[in-house]
Amino acid sequence: MIRSGEAGERGVTLEMTPLIDMVFLLLIFFLVATTFHQTEREMQIALPTAAFAGPISTALREIIINVDAEGSIIVNGRIVEPQDLQRLIEESVAINADQKVTVRGDRATPYANIVRVLDICKGSGIQEPYLDTVPGAPD
């Protein structure tokens, strides 16, 4: 037989209000954290595939340079001219000698467009620019 407690007798209770507050705070945190995307990585660039793609090198202040199918150079979501790109990289290397640069070229663009960006990187002091590819079987 289940006996109801007397007026002065209370069992162990668990306060739900702080628990619900914490769940909502965590939910909001994860929603906000997942909506921050890197603009460069969301661009409509069809990357070529590579059978042995290396690990993606990410630094805190990595410069991501996109080359679209028409050969336009895009940094931080805006089209830049080659001389502006060179100035940007030189300024970054002056601040951080170990500056990381990733070049993402559309598979439809002529390789000469990508080489032009790589030449700018090398001429501006970047020792090893990283070429971004998609892991998978070669085309």
C-alpha atoms as a PDB file:
ATOM      1  CA  MET A   1       0.000   0.000   0.000  1.00  0.00           C
ATOM      2  CA  ILE A   2       1.342   3.413  -0.984  1.00  0.00           C
ATOM      3  CA  ARG A   3       1.160   5.831   1.828  1.00  0.00           C
ATOM      4  CA  SER A   4       0.923   9.539   1.183  1.00  0.00           C
ATOM      5  CA  GLY A   5       3.343  11.659   3.141  1.00  0.00           C
ATOM      6  CA  GLU A   6       2.222  13.765   6.003  1.00  0.00           C
ATOM      7  CA  ALA A   7       2.138  17.549   5.706  1.00  0.00           C
ATOM      8  CA  GLY A   8       5.535  18.060   7.402  1.00  0.00           C
ATOM      9  CA  GLU A   9       7.310  15.164   5.638  1.00  0.00           C
ATOM     10  CA  ARG A  10       8.960  15.838   2.275  1.00  0.00           C
ATOM     11  CA  GLY A  11      10.969  13.461   0.116  1.00  0.00           C
ATOM     12  CA  VAL A  12      14.034  14.265  -1.926  1.00  0.00           C
ATOM     13  CA  THR A  13      13.116  16.679  -4.673  1.00  0.00           C
ATOM     14  CA  LEU A  14      14.981  17.711  -7.745  1.00  0.00           C
ATOM     15  CA  GLU A  15      14.606  21.301  -8.847  1.00  0.00           C
ATOM     16  CA  MET A  16      13.803  21.294 -12.562  1.00  0.00           C
ATOM     17  CA  THR A  17      14.078  25.019 -13.223  1.00  0.00           C
ATOM     18  CA  PRO A  18      17.924  25.233 -13.148  1.00  0.00           C
ATOM     19  CA  LEU A  19      18.150  22.017 -15.165  1.00  0.00           C
ATOM     20  CA  ILE A  20      15.809  23.353 -17.852  1.00  0.00           C
ATOM     21  CA  ASP A  21      17.716  26.660 -17.890  1.00  0.00           C
ATOM     22  CA  MET A  22      20.984  24.836 -18.496  1.00  0.00           C
ATOM     23  CA  VAL A  23      19.470  22.723 -21.284  1.00  0.00           C
ATOM     24  CA  PHE A  24      18.158  25.825 -23.035  1.00  0.00           C
ATOM     25  CA  LEU A  25      21.493  27.619 -22.634  1.00  0.00           C
ATOM     26  CA  LEU A  26      23.335  24.644 -24.140  1.00  0.00           C
ATOM     27  CA  LEU A  27      20.816  24.454 -26.959  1.00  0.00           C
ATOM     28  CA  ILE A  28      21.260  28.147 -27.756  1.00  0.00           C
ATOM     29  CA  PHE A  29      25.049  27.809 -27.590  1.00  0.00           C
ATOM     30  CA  PHE A  30      25.123  24.925 -30.061  1.00  0.00           C
ATOM     31  CA  LEU A  31      22.662  26.625 -32.402  1.00  0.00           C
ATOM     32  CA  VAL A  32      24.752  29.779 -32.473  1.00  0.00           C
ATOM     33  CA  ALA A  33      28.041  27.893 -32.776  1.00  0.00           C
ATOM     34  CA  THR A  34      26.854  25.854 -35.748  1.00  0.00           C
ATOM     35  CA  THR A  35      25.595  28.877 -37.659  1.00  0.00           C
ATOM     36  CA  PHE A  36      29.036  30.479 -37.803  1.00  0.00           C
ATOM     37  CA  HIS A  37      30.435  29.158 -41.051  1.00  0.00           C
ATOM     38  CA  GLN A  38      33.546  30.197 -42.837  1.00  0.00           C
ATOM     39  CA  THR A  39      32.339  32.092 -45.861  1.00  0.00           C
ATOM     40  CA  GLU A  40      35.233  30.870 -47.968  1.00  0.00           C
ATOM     41  CA  ARG A  41      34.367  27.235 -47.422  1.00  0.00           C
ATOM     42  CA  GLU A  42      30.722  27.739 -48.381  1.00  0.00           C
ATOM     43  CA  MET A  43      31.356  29.159 -51.819  1.00  0.00           C
ATOM     44  CA  GLN A  44      30.116  27.223 -54.825  1.00  0.00           C
ATOM     45  CA  ILE A  45      33.536  25.948 -55.858  1.00  0.00           C
ATOM     46  CA  ALA A  46      33.583  22.405 -57.256  1.00  0.00           C
ATOM     47  CA  LEU A  47      36.898  21.122 -55.901  1.00  0.00           C
ATOM     48  CA  PRO A  48      38.744  18.351 -57.734  1.00  0.00           C
ATOM     49  CA  THR A  49      39.124  15.014 -55.982  1.00  0.00           C
ATOM     50  CA  ALA A  50      42.418  13.490 -54.906  1.00  0.00           C
ATOM     51  CA  ALA A  51      43.089   9.872 -54.023  1.00  0.00           C
ATOM     52  CA  PHE A  52      45.570  10.831 -51.312  1.00  0.00           C
ATOM     53  CA  ALA A  53      44.401  14.156 -49.951  1.00  0.00           C
ATOM     54  CA  GLY A  54      46.467  15.340 -47.014  1.00  0.00           C
ATOM     55  CA  PRO A  55      45.014  16.606 -43.758  1.00  0.00           C
ATOM     56  CA  ILE A  56      43.539  20.058 -43.889  1.00  0.00           C
ATOM     57  CA  SER A  57      45.913  22.536 -42.358  1.00  0.00           C
ATOM     58  CA  THR A  58      43.974  25.044 -40.330  1.00  0.00           C
ATOM     59  CA  ALA A  59      45.551  27.832 -38.407  1.00  0.00           C
ATOM     60  CA  LEU A  60      43.840  30.445 -36.334  1.00  0.00           C
ATOM     61  CA  ARG A  61      44.274  33.047 -39.071  1.00  0.00           C
ATOM     62  CA  GLU A  62      44.499  30.962 -42.217  1.00  0.00           C
ATOM     63  CA  ILE A  63      44.009  32.826 -45.484  1.00  0.00           C
ATOM     64  CA  ILE A  64      41.719  30.947 -47.850  1.00  0.00           C
ATOM     65  CA  ILE A  65      41.995  31.965 -51.488  1.00  0.00           C
ATOM     66  CA  ASN A  66      39.314  30.736 -53.875  1.00  0.00           C
ATOM     67  CA  VAL A  67      39.733  30.658 -57.642  1.00  0.00           C
ATOM     68  CA  ASP A  68      36.371  30.241 -59.361  1.00  0.00           C
ATOM     69  CA  ALA A  69      35.704  28.694 -62.775  1.00  0.00           C
ATOM     70  CA  GLU A  70      36.221  32.047 -64.535  1.00  0.00           C
ATOM     71  CA  GLY A  71      39.601  32.590 -62.841  1.00  0.00           C
ATOM     72  CA  SER A  72      38.496  35.302 -60.410  1.00  0.00           C
ATOM     73  CA  ILE A  73      40.412  35.427 -57.135  1.00  0.00           C
ATOM     74  CA  ILE A  74      38.095  35.548 -54.118  1.00  0.00           C
ATOM     75  CA  VAL A  75      39.220  36.221 -50.535  1.00  0.00           C
ATOM     76  CA  ASN A  76      36.760  36.700 -47.671  1.00  0.00           C
ATOM     77  CA  GLY A  77      33.818  36.604 -50.054  1.00  0.00           C
ATOM     78  CA  ARG A  78      34.994  39.418 -52.319  1.00  0.00           C
ATOM     79  CA  ILE A  79      36.867  39.465 -55.607  1.00  0.00           C
ATOM     80  CA  VAL A  80      40.403  40.836 -55.339  1.00  0.00           C
ATOM     81  CA  GLU A  81      42.943  41.799 -57.956  1.00  0.00           C
ATOM     82  CA  PRO A  82      46.327  40.001 -58.045  1.00  0.00           C
ATOM     83  CA  GLN A  83      48.209  43.060 -56.745  1.00  0.00           C
ATOM     84  CA  ASP A  84      45.749  43.415 -53.845  1.00  0.00           C
ATOM     85  CA  LEU A  85      46.193  39.734 -53.024  1.00  0.00           C
ATOM     86  CA  GLN A  86      49.964  40.142 -53.002  1.00  0.00           C
ATOM     87  CA  ARG A  87      49.729  43.150 -50.676  1.00  0.00           C
ATOM     88  CA  LEU A  88      47.350  41.258 -48.345  1.00  0.00           C
ATOM     89  CA  ILE A  89      49.670  38.262 -48.119  1.00  0.00           C
ATOM     90  CA  GLU A  90      52.792  40.408 -47.634  1.00  0.00           C
ATOM     91  CA  GLU A  91      51.101  42.261 -44.766  1.00  0.00           C
ATOM     92  CA  SER A  92      50.032  38.968 -43.198  1.00  0.00           C
ATOM     93  CA  VAL A  93      53.531  37.482 -43.499  1.00  0.00           C
ATOM     94  CA  ALA A  94      54.996  40.619 -41.915  1.00  0.00           C
ATOM     95  CA  ILE A  95      52.750  40.054 -38.896  1.00  0.00           C
ATOM     96  CA  ASN A  96      53.000  36.241 -38.795  1.00  0.00           C
ATOM     97  CA  ALA A  97      55.995  34.597 -40.472  1.00  0.00           C
ATOM     98  CA  ASP A  98      54.265  31.202 -40.296  1.00  0.00           C
ATOM     99  CA  GLN A  99      51.164  32.406 -42.143  1.00  0.00           C
ATOM    100  CA  LYS A 100      49.079  29.561 -43.580  1.00  0.00           C
ATOM    101  CA  VAL A 101      47.452  29.926 -46.994  1.00  0.00           C
ATOM    102  CA  THR A 102      45.006  27.532 -48.626  1.00  0.00           C
ATOM    103  CA  VAL A 103      44.280  27.809 -52.341  1.00  0.00           C
ATOM    104  CA  ARG A 104      40.965  26.338 -53.483  1.00  0.00           C
ATOM    105  CA  GLY A 105      40.614  26.183 -57.242  1.00  0.00           C
ATOM    106  CA  ASP A 106      37.498  25.156 -59.114  1.00  0.00           C
ATOM    107  CA  ARG A 107      38.097  22.021 -61.148  1.00  0.00           C
ATOM    108  CA  ALA A 108      36.782  23.780 -64.262  1.00  0.00           C
ATOM    109  CA  THR A 109      39.304  26.619 -64.137  1.00  0.00           C
ATOM    110  CA  PRO A 110      42.490  26.368 -66.192  1.00  0.00           C
ATOM    111  CA  TYR A 111      45.458  25.447 -64.048  1.00  0.00           C
ATOM    112  CA  ALA A 112      47.194  28.636 -65.161  1.00  0.00           C
ATOM    113  CA  ASN A 113      44.772  30.575 -62.932  1.00  0.00           C
ATOM    114  CA  ILE A 114      45.797  28.508 -59.914  1.00  0.00           C
ATOM    115  CA  VAL A 115      49.503  28.803 -60.785  1.00  0.00           C
ATOM    116  CA  ARG A 116      49.096  32.593 -60.921  1.00  0.00           C
ATOM    117  CA  VAL A 117      47.798  32.547 -57.315  1.00  0.00           C
ATOM    118  CA  LEU A 118      50.546  30.144 -56.215  1.00  0.00           C
ATOM    119  CA  ASP A 119      53.171  32.445 -57.763  1.00  0.00           C
ATOM    120  CA  ILE A 120      51.715  35.392 -55.848  1.00  0.00           C
ATOM    121  CA  CYS A 121      51.850  33.366 -52.622  1.00  0.00           C
ATOM    122  CA  LYS A 122      55.456  32.275 -53.169  1.00  0.00           C
ATOM    123  CA  GLY A 123      56.513  35.788 -54.174  1.00  0.00           C
ATOM    124  CA  SER A 124      54.881  37.208 -51.050  1.00  0.00           C
ATOM    125  CA  GLY A 125      56.768  34.949 -48.644  1.00  0.00           C
ATOM    126  CA  ILE A 126      54.503  31.928 -48.196  1.00  0.00           C
ATOM    127  CA  GLN A 127      56.784  28.899 -48.224  1.00  0.00           C
ATOM    128  CA  GLU A 128      54.174  26.164 -48.636  1.00  0.00           C
ATOM    129  CA  PRO A 129      50.715  27.179 -49.842  1.00  0.00           C
ATOM    130  CA  TYR A 130      48.224  24.362 -49.367  1.00  0.00           C
ATOM    131  CA  LEU A 131      46.108  23.189 -52.317  1.00  0.00           C
ATOM    132  CA  ASP A 132      42.681  22.113 -51.115  1.00  0.00           C
ATOM    133  CA  THR A 133      41.061  19.056 -52.680  1.00  0.00           C
ATOM    134  CA  VAL A 134      38.187  16.741 -51.885  1.00  0.00           C
ATOM    135  CA  PRO A 135      39.142  13.219 -50.800  1.00  0.00           C
ATOM    136  CA  GLY A 136      37.798  10.528 -53.093  1.00  0.00           C
ATOM    137  CA  ALA A 137      38.453   8.657 -56.270  1.00  0.00           C
ATOM    138  CA  PRO A 138      40.126  10.608 -59.079  1.00  0.00           C
ATOM    139  CA  ASP A 139      37.911  11.787 -61.926  1.00  0.00           C
END
